[in-house]
Every structure is written in structure tokens, then in C-alpha cells.
Full PDB file with SEQRES, HELIX, SHEET, SSBOND, CRYST1, ORIGX, SCALE, CONECT and MASTER records, all heavy atoms in Angstrom:
SEQRES   1 A   42  THR LEU VAL ALA LEU ALA VAL PRO ALA GLU ASP CYS LEU          
SEQRES   2 A   42  PHE VAL LEU GLY LYS ILE TYR PRO HIS LEU ALA GLU GLY          
SEQRES   3 A   42  GLY ALA GLU ALA LEU ILE ALA SER LEU ASP PRO ALA GLU          
SEQRES   4 A   42  ALA THR LEU                                                  
HELIX    1 AA1 ALA A    9  ILE A   19  1                                  11    
HELIX    2 AA2 PRO A   21  LEU A   23  5                                   3    
HELIX    3 AA3 GLY A   27  ALA A   33  1                                   7    
HELIX    4 AA4 PRO A   37  THR A   41  1                                   5    
CRYST1    1.000    1.000    1.000  90.00  90.00  90.00 P 1           1          
ORIGX1      1.000000  0.000000  0.000000        0.00000                         
ORIGX2      0.000000  1.000000  0.000000        0.00000                         
ORIGX3      0.000000  0.000000  1.000000        0.00000                         
SCALE1      1.000000  0.000000  0.000000        0.00000                         
SCALE2      0.000000  1.000000  0.000000        0.00000                         
SCALE3      0.000000  0.000000  1.000000        0.00000                         
ATOM      1  N   THR A   1      41.588  42.580  13.351  1.00  0.00           N  
ATOM      2  CA  THR A   1      41.874  41.439  12.472  1.00  0.00           C  
ATOM      3  C   THR A   1      40.944  41.430  11.263  1.00  0.00           C  
ATOM      4  O   THR A   1      41.382  41.204  10.130  1.00  0.00           O  
ATOM      5  CB  THR A   1      41.720  40.121  13.261  1.00  0.00           C  
ATOM      6  OG1 THR A   1      42.548  40.166  14.419  1.00  0.00           O  
ATOM      7  CG2 THR A   1      42.108  38.936  12.411  1.00  0.00           C  
ATOM      8  N   LEU A   2      39.652  41.672  11.490  1.00  0.00           N  
ATOM      9  CA  LEU A   2      38.703  41.694  10.374  1.00  0.00           C  
ATOM     10  C   LEU A   2      39.023  42.825   9.404  1.00  0.00           C  
ATOM     11  O   LEU A   2      38.927  42.651   8.178  1.00  0.00           O  
ATOM     12  CB  LEU A   2      37.273  41.834  10.910  1.00  0.00           C  
ATOM     13  CG  LEU A   2      36.747  40.656  11.747  1.00  0.00           C  
ATOM     14  CD1 LEU A   2      35.356  40.964  12.285  1.00  0.00           C  
ATOM     15  CD2 LEU A   2      36.732  39.368  10.934  1.00  0.00           C  
ATOM     16  N   VAL A   3      39.400  43.990   9.933  1.00  0.00           N  
ATOM     17  CA  VAL A   3      39.778  45.110   9.058  1.00  0.00           C  
ATOM     18  C   VAL A   3      41.036  44.758   8.282  1.00  0.00           C  
ATOM     19  O   VAL A   3      41.126  45.012   7.071  1.00  0.00           O  
ATOM     20  CB  VAL A   3      39.993  46.390   9.906  1.00  0.00           C  
ATOM     21  CG1 VAL A   3      40.666  47.469   9.073  1.00  0.00           C  
ATOM     22  CG2 VAL A   3      38.655  46.896  10.440  1.00  0.00           C  
ATOM     23  N   ALA A   4      42.021  44.154   8.954  1.00  0.00           N  
ATOM     24  CA  ALA A   4      43.259  43.767   8.276  1.00  0.00           C  
ATOM     25  C   ALA A   4      43.007  42.718   7.197  1.00  0.00           C  
ATOM     26  O   ALA A   4      43.700  42.689   6.173  1.00  0.00           O  
ATOM     27  CB  ALA A   4      44.271  43.245   9.297  1.00  0.00           C  
ATOM     28  N   LEU A   5      42.027  41.886   7.421  1.00  0.00           N  
ATOM     29  CA  LEU A   5      41.681  40.854   6.434  1.00  0.00           C  
ATOM     30  C   LEU A   5      40.760  41.385   5.345  1.00  0.00           C  
ATOM     31  O   LEU A   5      40.309  40.625   4.486  1.00  0.00           O  
ATOM     32  CB  LEU A   5      40.997  39.665   7.139  1.00  0.00           C  
ATOM     33  CG  LEU A   5      41.895  38.788   8.021  1.00  0.00           C  
ATOM     34  CD1 LEU A   5      41.060  37.801   8.823  1.00  0.00           C  
ATOM     35  CD2 LEU A   5      42.922  38.041   7.175  1.00  0.00           C  
ATOM     36  N   ALA A   6      40.451  42.693   5.396  1.00  0.00           N  
ATOM     37  CA  ALA A   6      39.615  43.340   4.386  1.00  0.00           C  
ATOM     38  C   ALA A   6      38.224  42.734   4.313  1.00  0.00           C  
ATOM     39  O   ALA A   6      37.626  42.631   3.234  1.00  0.00           O  
ATOM     40  CB  ALA A   6      40.295  43.302   3.023  1.00  0.00           C  
ATOM     41  N   VAL A   7      37.694  42.319   5.451  1.00  0.00           N  
ATOM     42  CA  VAL A   7      36.308  41.839   5.498  1.00  0.00           C  
ATOM     43  C   VAL A   7      35.389  43.042   5.303  1.00  0.00           C  
ATOM     44  O   VAL A   7      35.632  44.106   5.904  1.00  0.00           O  
ATOM     45  CB  VAL A   7      36.014  41.146   6.846  1.00  0.00           C  
ATOM     46  CG1 VAL A   7      34.549  40.768   6.958  1.00  0.00           C  
ATOM     47  CG2 VAL A   7      36.905  39.921   6.997  1.00  0.00           C  
ATOM     48  N   PRO A   8      34.356  42.945   4.465  1.00  0.00           N  
ATOM     49  CA  PRO A   8      33.459  44.086   4.240  1.00  0.00           C  
ATOM     50  C   PRO A   8      32.918  44.652   5.549  1.00  0.00           C  
ATOM     51  O   PRO A   8      32.657  43.916   6.504  1.00  0.00           O  
ATOM     52  CB  PRO A   8      32.342  43.483   3.382  1.00  0.00           C  
ATOM     53  CG  PRO A   8      32.998  42.347   2.674  1.00  0.00           C  
ATOM     54  CD  PRO A   8      33.999  41.791   3.639  1.00  0.00           C  
ATOM     55  N   ALA A   9      32.776  45.983   5.576  1.00  0.00           N  
ATOM     56  CA  ALA A   9      32.368  46.671   6.806  1.00  0.00           C  
ATOM     57  C   ALA A   9      31.056  46.118   7.357  1.00  0.00           C  
ATOM     58  O   ALA A   9      30.905  45.942   8.574  1.00  0.00           O  
ATOM     59  CB  ALA A   9      32.246  48.170   6.546  1.00  0.00           C  
ATOM     60  N   GLU A  10      30.102  45.842   6.474  1.00  0.00           N  
ATOM     61  CA  GLU A  10      28.803  45.327   6.932  1.00  0.00           C  
ATOM     62  C   GLU A  10      28.970  44.005   7.667  1.00  0.00           C  
ATOM     63  O   GLU A  10      28.350  43.771   8.711  1.00  0.00           O  
ATOM     64  CB  GLU A  10      27.863  45.163   5.740  1.00  0.00           C  
ATOM     65  CG  GLU A  10      26.473  44.690   6.112  1.00  0.00           C  
ATOM     66  CD  GLU A  10      25.564  44.539   4.899  1.00  0.00           C  
ATOM     67  OE1 GLU A  10      25.993  44.920   3.782  1.00  0.00           O  
ATOM     68  OE2 GLU A  10      24.437  44.042   5.068  1.00  0.00           O  
ATOM     69  N   ASP A  11      29.828  43.134   7.120  1.00  0.00           N  
ATOM     70  CA  ASP A  11      30.065  41.844   7.769  1.00  0.00           C  
ATOM     71  C   ASP A  11      30.821  42.034   9.083  1.00  0.00           C  
ATOM     72  O   ASP A  11      30.560  41.337  10.068  1.00  0.00           O  
ATOM     73  CB  ASP A  11      30.852  40.923   6.838  1.00  0.00           C  
ATOM     74  CG  ASP A  11      30.043  40.489   5.630  1.00  0.00           C  
ATOM     75  OD1 ASP A  11      28.802  40.668   5.665  1.00  0.00           O  
ATOM     76  OD2 ASP A  11      30.631  39.984   4.666  1.00  0.00           O  
ATOM     77  N   CYS A  12      31.771  42.969   9.114  1.00  0.00           N  
ATOM     78  CA  CYS A  12      32.501  43.244  10.360  1.00  0.00           C  
ATOM     79  C   CYS A  12      31.541  43.640  11.468  1.00  0.00           C  
ATOM     80  O   CYS A  12      31.612  43.133  12.591  1.00  0.00           O  
ATOM     81  CB  CYS A  12      33.512  44.375  10.144  1.00  0.00           C  
ATOM     82  SG  CYS A  12      34.943  43.937   9.153  1.00  0.00           S  
ATOM     83  N   LEU A  13      30.635  44.564  11.165  1.00  0.00           N  
ATOM     84  CA  LEU A  13      29.683  45.044  12.171  1.00  0.00           C  
ATOM     85  C   LEU A  13      28.780  43.918  12.649  1.00  0.00           C  
ATOM     86  O   LEU A  13      28.498  43.796  13.844  1.00  0.00           O  
ATOM     87  CB  LEU A  13      28.839  46.183  11.583  1.00  0.00           C  
ATOM     88  CG  LEU A  13      29.611  47.436  11.162  1.00  0.00           C  
ATOM     89  CD1 LEU A  13      28.669  48.460  10.543  1.00  0.00           C  
ATOM     90  CD2 LEU A  13      30.342  48.046  12.349  1.00  0.00           C  
ATOM     91  N   PHE A  14      28.331  43.062  11.720  1.00  0.00           N  
ATOM     92  CA  PHE A  14      27.441  41.961  12.092  1.00  0.00           C  
ATOM     93  C   PHE A  14      28.159  40.973  13.008  1.00  0.00           C  
ATOM     94  O   PHE A  14      27.626  40.581  14.057  1.00  0.00           O  
ATOM     95  CB  PHE A  14      26.954  41.243  10.833  1.00  0.00           C  
ATOM     96  CG  PHE A  14      26.063  40.071  11.113  1.00  0.00           C  
ATOM     97  CD1 PHE A  14      24.711  40.244  11.362  1.00  0.00           C  
ATOM     98  CD2 PHE A  14      26.572  38.778  11.156  1.00  0.00           C  
ATOM     99  CE1 PHE A  14      23.886  39.167  11.639  1.00  0.00           C  
ATOM    100  CE2 PHE A  14      25.760  37.696  11.434  1.00  0.00           C  
ATOM    101  CZ  PHE A  14      24.418  37.903  11.668  1.00  0.00           C  
ATOM    102  N   VAL A  15      29.378  40.581  12.628  1.00  0.00           N  
ATOM    103  CA  VAL A  15      30.125  39.592  13.408  1.00  0.00           C  
ATOM    104  C   VAL A  15      30.459  40.136  14.791  1.00  0.00           C  
ATOM    105  O   VAL A  15      30.264  39.466  15.816  1.00  0.00           O  
ATOM    106  CB  VAL A  15      31.410  39.178  12.664  1.00  0.00           C  
ATOM    107  CG1 VAL A  15      32.282  38.301  13.544  1.00  0.00           C  
ATOM    108  CG2 VAL A  15      31.057  38.439  11.374  1.00  0.00           C  
ATOM    109  N   LEU A  16      30.930  41.382  14.858  1.00  0.00           N  
ATOM    110  CA  LEU A  16      31.284  41.969  16.150  1.00  0.00           C  
ATOM    111  C   LEU A  16      30.067  42.085  17.059  1.00  0.00           C  
ATOM    112  O   LEU A  16      30.142  41.806  18.259  1.00  0.00           O  
ATOM    113  CB  LEU A  16      31.907  43.353  15.934  1.00  0.00           C  
ATOM    114  CG  LEU A  16      33.312  43.363  15.315  1.00  0.00           C  
ATOM    115  CD1 LEU A  16      33.699  44.771  14.913  1.00  0.00           C  
ATOM    116  CD2 LEU A  16      34.335  42.784  16.283  1.00  0.00           C  
ATOM    117  N   GLY A  17      28.931  42.494  16.496  1.00  0.00           N  
ATOM    118  CA  GLY A  17      27.724  42.640  17.303  1.00  0.00           C  
ATOM    119  C   GLY A  17      27.198  41.326  17.837  1.00  0.00           C  
ATOM    120  O   GLY A  17      26.630  41.271  18.929  1.00  0.00           O  
ATOM    121  N   LYS A  18      27.400  40.239  17.072  1.00  0.00           N  
ATOM    122  CA  LYS A  18      26.926  38.920  17.513  1.00  0.00           C  
ATOM    123  C   LYS A  18      27.830  38.322  18.591  1.00  0.00           C  
ATOM    124  O   LYS A  18      27.344  37.677  19.524  1.00  0.00           O  
ATOM    125  CB  LYS A  18      26.854  37.957  16.314  1.00  0.00           C  
ATOM    126  CG  LYS A  18      25.690  38.206  15.376  1.00  0.00           C  
ATOM    127  CD  LYS A  18      24.369  37.877  16.043  1.00  0.00           C  
ATOM    128  CE  LYS A  18      23.208  38.010  15.095  1.00  0.00           C  
ATOM    129  NZ  LYS A  18      21.918  37.708  15.755  1.00  0.00           N  
ATOM    130  N   ILE A  19      29.136  38.533  18.467  1.00  0.00           N  
ATOM    131  CA  ILE A  19      30.069  37.925  19.415  1.00  0.00           C  
ATOM    132  C   ILE A  19      30.177  38.739  20.697  1.00  0.00           C  
ATOM    133  O   ILE A  19      30.281  38.185  21.795  1.00  0.00           O  
ATOM    134  CB  ILE A  19      31.459  37.766  18.765  1.00  0.00           C  
ATOM    135  CG1 ILE A  19      31.367  36.823  17.559  1.00  0.00           C  
ATOM    136  CG2 ILE A  19      32.474  37.230  19.763  1.00  0.00           C  
ATOM    137  CD1 ILE A  19      32.660  36.641  16.816  1.00  0.00           C  
ATOM    138  N   TYR A  20      30.145  40.075  20.554  1.00  0.00           N  
ATOM    139  CA  TYR A  20      30.285  40.957  21.715  1.00  0.00           C  
ATOM    140  C   TYR A  20      29.018  41.805  21.839  1.00  0.00           C  
ATOM    141  O   TYR A  20      28.901  42.842  21.158  1.00  0.00           O  
ATOM    142  CB  TYR A  20      31.520  41.852  21.569  1.00  0.00           C  
ATOM    143  CG  TYR A  20      32.782  41.086  21.255  1.00  0.00           C  
ATOM    144  CD1 TYR A  20      33.322  41.079  19.974  1.00  0.00           C  
ATOM    145  CD2 TYR A  20      33.426  40.342  22.239  1.00  0.00           C  
ATOM    146  CE1 TYR A  20      34.470  40.364  19.682  1.00  0.00           C  
ATOM    147  CE2 TYR A  20      34.572  39.622  21.964  1.00  0.00           C  
ATOM    148  CZ  TYR A  20      35.090  39.629  20.684  1.00  0.00           C  
ATOM    149  OH  TYR A  20      36.220  38.914  20.407  1.00  0.00           O  
ATOM    150  N   PRO A  21      28.066  41.388  22.671  1.00  0.00           N  
ATOM    151  CA  PRO A  21      26.771  42.089  22.757  1.00  0.00           C  
ATOM    152  C   PRO A  21      26.901  43.574  23.047  1.00  0.00           C  
ATOM    153  O   PRO A  21      26.063  44.367  22.602  1.00  0.00           O  
ATOM    154  CB  PRO A  21      26.065  41.353  23.904  1.00  0.00           C  
ATOM    155  CG  PRO A  21      26.676  39.981  23.907  1.00  0.00           C  
ATOM    156  CD  PRO A  21      28.100  40.193  23.518  1.00  0.00           C  
ATOM    157  N   HIS A  22      27.953  43.986  23.779  1.00  0.00           N  
ATOM    158  CA  HIS A  22      28.068  45.411  24.100  1.00  0.00           C  
ATOM    159  C   HIS A  22      28.403  46.248  22.870  1.00  0.00           C  
ATOM    160  O   HIS A  22      28.314  47.478  22.920  1.00  0.00           O  
ATOM    161  CB  HIS A  22      29.130  45.625  25.181  1.00  0.00           C  
ATOM    162  CG  HIS A  22      30.529  45.334  24.720  1.00  0.00           C  
ATOM    163  ND1 HIS A  22      31.033  44.041  24.626  1.00  0.00           N  
ATOM    164  CD2 HIS A  22      31.539  46.159  24.312  1.00  0.00           C  
ATOM    165  CE1 HIS A  22      32.281  44.095  24.199  1.00  0.00           C  
ATOM    166  NE2 HIS A  22      32.615  45.368  24.002  1.00  0.00           N  
ATOM    167  N   LEU A  23      28.761  45.613  21.762  1.00  0.00           N  
ATOM    168  CA  LEU A  23      29.048  46.334  20.524  1.00  0.00           C  
ATOM    169  C   LEU A  23      27.863  46.346  19.571  1.00  0.00           C  
ATOM    170  O   LEU A  23      27.954  46.917  18.480  1.00  0.00           O  
ATOM    171  CB  LEU A  23      30.254  45.706  19.816  1.00  0.00           C  
ATOM    172  CG  LEU A  23      31.598  45.762  20.556  1.00  0.00           C  
ATOM    173  CD1 LEU A  23      32.667  45.057  19.742  1.00  0.00           C  
ATOM    174  CD2 LEU A  23      32.003  47.205  20.828  1.00  0.00           C  
ATOM    175  N   ALA A  24      26.742  45.718  19.986  1.00  0.00           N  
ATOM    176  CA  ALA A  24      25.614  45.551  19.061  1.00  0.00           C  
ATOM    177  C   ALA A  24      24.893  46.862  18.775  1.00  0.00           C  
ATOM    178  O   ALA A  24      24.384  47.072  17.683  1.00  0.00           O  
ATOM    179  CB  ALA A  24      24.626  44.521  19.619  1.00  0.00           C  
ATOM    180  N   GLU A  25      24.831  47.773  19.736  1.00  0.00           N  
ATOM    181  CA  GLU A  25      24.071  49.013  19.573  1.00  0.00           C  
ATOM    182  C   GLU A  25      24.990  50.190  19.263  1.00  0.00           C  
ATOM    183  O   GLU A  25      25.186  51.077  20.086  1.00  0.00           O  
ATOM    184  CB  GLU A  25      23.263  49.294  20.845  1.00  0.00           C  
ATOM    185  CG  GLU A  25      22.250  48.224  21.192  1.00  0.00           C  
ATOM    186  CD  GLU A  25      21.167  48.105  20.131  1.00  0.00           C  
ATOM    187  OE1 GLU A  25      20.893  49.122  19.461  1.00  0.00           O  
ATOM    188  OE2 GLU A  25      20.599  47.010  19.971  1.00  0.00           O  
ATOM    189  N   GLY A  26      25.580  50.192  18.084  1.00  0.00           N  
ATOM    190  CA  GLY A  26      26.408  51.321  17.667  1.00  0.00           C  
ATOM    191  C   GLY A  26      27.855  51.233  18.086  1.00  0.00           C  
ATOM    192  O   GLY A  26      28.694  51.986  17.564  1.00  0.00           O  
ATOM    193  N   GLY A  27      28.182  50.368  19.029  1.00  0.00           N  
ATOM    194  CA  GLY A  27      29.559  50.275  19.487  1.00  0.00           C  
ATOM    195  C   GLY A  27      30.498  49.770  18.414  1.00  0.00           C  
ATOM    196  O   GLY A  27      31.655  50.214  18.322  1.00  0.00           O  
ATOM    197  N   ALA A  28      30.036  48.838  17.596  1.00  0.00           N  
ATOM    198  CA  ALA A  28      30.883  48.285  16.545  1.00  0.00           C  
ATOM    199  C   ALA A  28      31.248  49.345  15.511  1.00  0.00           C  
ATOM    200  O   ALA A  28      32.391  49.412  15.041  1.00  0.00           O  
ATOM    201  CB  ALA A  28      30.188  47.095  15.880  1.00  0.00           C  
ATOM    202  N   GLU A  29      30.275  50.200  15.143  1.00  0.00           N  
ATOM    203  CA  GLU A  29      30.542  51.255  14.164  1.00  0.00           C  
ATOM    204  C   GLU A  29      31.636  52.196  14.674  1.00  0.00           C  
ATOM    205  O   GLU A  29      32.570  52.547  13.946  1.00  0.00           O  
ATOM    206  CB  GLU A  29      29.272  52.061  13.873  1.00  0.00           C  
ATOM    207  CG  GLU A  29      28.240  51.302  13.070  1.00  0.00           C  
ATOM    208  CD  GLU A  29      27.264  50.547  13.950  1.00  0.00           C  
ATOM    209  OE1 GLU A  29      27.628  50.247  15.116  1.00  0.00           O  
ATOM    210  OE2 GLU A  29      26.154  50.254  13.488  1.00  0.00           O  
ATOM    211  N   ALA A  30      31.515  52.592  15.951  1.00  0.00           N  
ATOM    212  CA  ALA A  30      32.511  53.502  16.522  1.00  0.00           C  
ATOM    213  C   ALA A  30      33.885  52.845  16.585  1.00  0.00           C  
ATOM    214  O   ALA A  30      34.909  53.490  16.319  1.00  0.00           O  
ATOM    215  CB  ALA A  30      32.069  53.945  17.917  1.00  0.00           C  
ATOM    216  N   LEU A  31      33.919  51.567  16.918  1.00  0.00           N  
ATOM    217  CA  LEU A  31      35.194  50.858  17.022  1.00  0.00           C  
ATOM    218  C   LEU A  31      35.865  50.754  15.655  1.00  0.00           C  
ATOM    219  O   LEU A  31      37.065  51.039  15.511  1.00  0.00           O  
ATOM    220  CB  LEU A  31      34.967  49.471  17.620  1.00  0.00           C  
ATOM    221  CG  LEU A  31      36.194  48.571  17.751  1.00  0.00           C  
ATOM    222  CD1 LEU A  31      37.279  49.255  18.581  1.00  0.00           C  
ATOM    223  CD2 LEU A  31      35.810  47.238  18.394  1.00  0.00           C  
ATOM    224  N   ILE A  32      35.114  50.352  14.634  1.00  0.00           N  
ATOM    225  CA  ILE A  32      35.668  50.224  13.284  1.00  0.00           C  
ATOM    226  C   ILE A  32      36.159  51.578  12.778  1.00  0.00           C  
ATOM    227  O   ILE A  32      37.220  51.691  12.156  1.00  0.00           O  
ATOM    228  CB  ILE A  32      34.623  49.636  12.325  1.00  0.00           C  
ATOM    229  CG1 ILE A  32      34.289  48.181  12.713  1.00  0.00           C  
ATOM    230  CG2 ILE A  32      35.107  49.690  10.882  1.00  0.00           C  
ATOM    231  CD1 ILE A  32      35.426  47.220  12.570  1.00  0.00           C  
ATOM    232  N   ALA A  33      35.382  52.635  13.062  1.00  0.00           N  
ATOM    233  CA  ALA A  33      35.756  53.975  12.593  1.00  0.00           C  
ATOM    234  C   ALA A  33      37.050  54.460  13.225  1.00  0.00           C  
ATOM    235  O   ALA A  33      37.765  55.286  12.645  1.00  0.00           O  
ATOM    236  CB  ALA A  33      34.623  54.960  12.883  1.00  0.00           C  
ATOM    237  N   SER A  34      37.367  53.955  14.415  1.00  0.00           N  
ATOM    238  CA  SER A  34      38.576  54.411  15.117  1.00  0.00           C  
ATOM    239  C   SER A  34      39.840  53.710  14.639  1.00  0.00           C  
ATOM    240  O   SER A  34      40.939  54.078  15.058  1.00  0.00           O  
ATOM    241  CB  SER A  34      38.417  54.177  16.625  1.00  0.00           C  
ATOM    242  OG  SER A  34      38.444  52.782  16.930  1.00  0.00           O  
ATOM    243  N   LEU A  35      39.708  52.705  13.784  1.00  0.00           N  
ATOM    244  CA  LEU A  35      40.861  51.913  13.370  1.00  0.00           C  
ATOM    245  C   LEU A  35      41.448  52.427  12.067  1.00  0.00           C  
ATOM    246  O   LEU A  35      40.709  52.837  11.155  1.00  0.00           O  
ATOM    247  CB  LEU A  35      40.456  50.440  13.213  1.00  0.00           C  
ATOM    248  CG  LEU A  35      39.927  49.742  14.459  1.00  0.00           C  
ATOM    249  CD1 LEU A  35      39.517  48.304  14.122  1.00  0.00           C  
ATOM    250  CD2 LEU A  35      40.970  49.737  15.567  1.00  0.00           C  
ATOM    251  N   ASP A  36      42.767  52.366  11.964  1.00  0.00           N  
ATOM    252  CA  ASP A  36      43.462  52.670  10.718  1.00  0.00           C  
ATOM    253  C   ASP A  36      43.826  51.341  10.055  1.00  0.00           C  
ATOM    254  O   ASP A  36      44.549  50.527  10.647  1.00  0.00           O  
ATOM    255  CB  ASP A  36      44.740  53.469  10.999  1.00  0.00           C  
ATOM    256  CG  ASP A  36      45.507  53.743   9.715  1.00  0.00           C  
ATOM    257  OD1 ASP A  36      45.134  54.692   9.003  1.00  0.00           O  
ATOM    258  OD2 ASP A  36      46.455  52.987   9.412  1.00  0.00           O  
ATOM    259  N   PRO A  37      43.321  51.071   8.865  1.00  0.00           N  
ATOM    260  CA  PRO A  37      43.561  49.764   8.226  1.00  0.00           C  
ATOM    261  C   PRO A  37      45.036  49.401   8.112  1.00  0.00           C  
ATOM    262  O   PRO A  37      45.408  48.248   8.319  1.00  0.00           O  
ATOM    263  CB  PRO A  37      42.908  49.923   6.848  1.00  0.00           C  
ATOM    264  CG  PRO A  37      41.843  50.960   7.061  1.00  0.00           C  
ATOM    265  CD  PRO A  37      42.413  51.919   8.057  1.00  0.00           C  
ATOM    266  N   ALA A  38      45.892  50.380   7.774  1.00  0.00           N  
ATOM    267  CA  ALA A  38      47.325  50.076   7.626  1.00  0.00           C  
ATOM    268  C   ALA A  38      47.932  49.668   8.962  1.00  0.00           C  
ATOM    269  O   ALA A  38      48.692  48.689   9.042  1.00  0.00           O  
ATOM    270  CB  ALA A  38      48.053  51.290   7.054  1.00  0.00           C  
ATOM    271  N   GLU A  39      47.576  50.397  10.010  1.00  0.00           N  
ATOM    272  CA  GLU A  39      48.103  50.050  11.328  1.00  0.00           C  
ATOM    273  C   GLU A  39      47.570  48.701  11.791  1.00  0.00           C  
ATOM    274  O   GLU A  39      48.298  47.903  12.398  1.00  0.00           O  
ATOM    275  CB  GLU A  39      47.731  51.141  12.337  1.00  0.00           C  
ATOM    276  CG  GLU A  39      48.441  52.466  12.109  1.00  0.00           C  
ATOM    277  CD  GLU A  39      48.052  53.495  13.145  1.00  0.00           C  
ATOM    278  OE1 GLU A  39      47.227  53.166  14.031  1.00  0.00           O  
ATOM    279  OE2 GLU A  39      48.560  54.634  13.076  1.00  0.00           O  
ATOM    280  N   ALA A  40      46.293  48.457  11.521  1.00  0.00           N  
ATOM    281  CA  ALA A  40      45.699  47.165  11.902  1.00  0.00           C  
ATOM    282  C   ALA A  40      46.413  46.023  11.191  1.00  0.00           C  
ATOM    283  O   ALA A  40      46.700  44.978  11.782  1.00  0.00           O  
ATOM    284  CB  ALA A  40      44.209  47.155  11.576  1.00  0.00           C  
ATOM    285  N   THR A  41      46.734  46.229   9.906  1.00  0.00           N  
ATOM    286  CA  THR A  41      47.413  45.181   9.141  1.00  0.00           C  
ATOM    287  C   THR A  41      48.794  44.895   9.719  1.00  0.00           C  
ATOM    288  O   THR A  41      49.189  43.735   9.884  1.00  0.00           O  
ATOM    289  CB  THR A  41      47.531  45.601   7.670  1.00  0.00           C  
ATOM    290  OG1 THR A  41      46.219  45.788   7.133  1.00  0.00           O  
ATOM    291  CG2 THR A  41      48.263  44.536   6.861  1.00  0.00           C  
ATOM    292  N   LEU A  42      49.546  45.966  10.034  1.00  0.00           N  
ATOM    293  CA  LEU A  42      50.878  45.775  10.614  1.00  0.00           C  
ATOM    294  C   LEU A  42      50.796  45.031  11.945  1.00  0.00           C  
ATOM    295  O   LEU A  42      51.616  44.153  12.240  1.00  0.00           O  
ATOM    296  CB  LEU A  42      51.556  47.132  10.819  1.00  0.00           C  
ATOM    297  CG  LEU A  42      51.973  47.869   9.543  1.00  0.00           C  
ATOM    298  CD1 LEU A  42      52.511  49.261   9.886  1.00  0.00           C  
ATOM    299  CD2 LEU A  42      53.029  47.074   8.776  1.00  0.00           C  
TER     300      LEU A  42                                                      
MASTER        0    0    0    4    0    0    0    6  299    1    0    4          
END                                                                             
């Protein structure tokens, strides 16, 4: 949703790490990198 809403990557990583602790140590970066913005938007 954050990628589809074009939220800046830095803010995406911060928000994901705060809400989901298991994504705080590098997990958020890997998750964002695995997403295709066009597919996420659809």
C-alpha cells in the first residue's frame, strides 16, 4: 500500500520497522525490494 501510494522509500522503511518489529533489522528493505510498484498499485 505504501509503495502504491508512492510514499518515499525512507518513510516506508521507517513506518514498517516501527509497526512490525521483525522488519526493523533489514527485513523492510528486502520486502520493499521484492515489490513491483505497478503490481502493488493494481
